[in-house]
């Protein structure tokens, strides 16, 4: 008696063997199996771009900044060609024009660097511009200001032991600042400090440092090179002893930026440091600063 086979009964063992493909199977590449997109916290590694692209970015930003700084410097030289300390009218004019001049430089950087970044299909976080953990990073920026002052104090005390002229050098440095920058209202100094902090940190720590790391493959080399550039660009306006604190700031802000993968601590710390310096000079100089 033959029973009908239903879906629940096992199939007969006499069925034909399955057809075997003659193609030789190949394993999937391991790299593809484990490849993941770069997370925002690692965006500053600039993994998607080549060293050649990083070199091109550096060349473009140098060219653009050279042209913009030349014209801004030329205009500033024409407008600020007087003596602030002895010419009240010139000092008043300088007070009104300083913020627009610094704002122009800041806008050039804030437009150019995002444009170069988008050309490489990179996120803003590639330059450290991210709101990620902003409150913590802002607090760390405040702490970085305190650390900067502690390190600078150690530097100044150490220098004074072998170089008695340190105090005179710092007084001369204060005089240079007052001759270059007319006296401002404290609120204007706050705005000026913020613009300088944003301009210099986005340019040096956000853009140059990350591209140099991509080129050299080393954060250490990138931090050192950018710190040297950052310090030397201040050499024209600062005395030699004042370059030590500037180098300390460059190193400190570079390390904090790499640690946090964010420019927020460096911008906050840089802004607070410059503001405290301006306000201290504002109080000490009194009416002697026009």
Foldseek 3Di string as FASTA:
>chain_A
DDDDDDPVDDDDPPDDDDDDDPDDDDDDDPCVVPDDDDDLLRLLLVVLDALVLLVVLVVVVVVLLVVLCVVLVVVCCVLQVDFLLPDVVSLVSLQVCVLVSLVSLLVSLVVPVVVSCVVSVGDLLNLQADCVVLVVLLVLLVVLLVVLVVVVVVLLVVCCVVPVCSVVQVVVLLVLVLRSHAQYDLVVQLSSLLSVLSNLCSPQQRRQLSSVCSNVVDSVVSLVVSLVVQLVVCPVRGGPSVSVSSSSLSNSQNVSCNVRSHNNSSSSNSSVNSSVVSVVSCVVCPPSRD
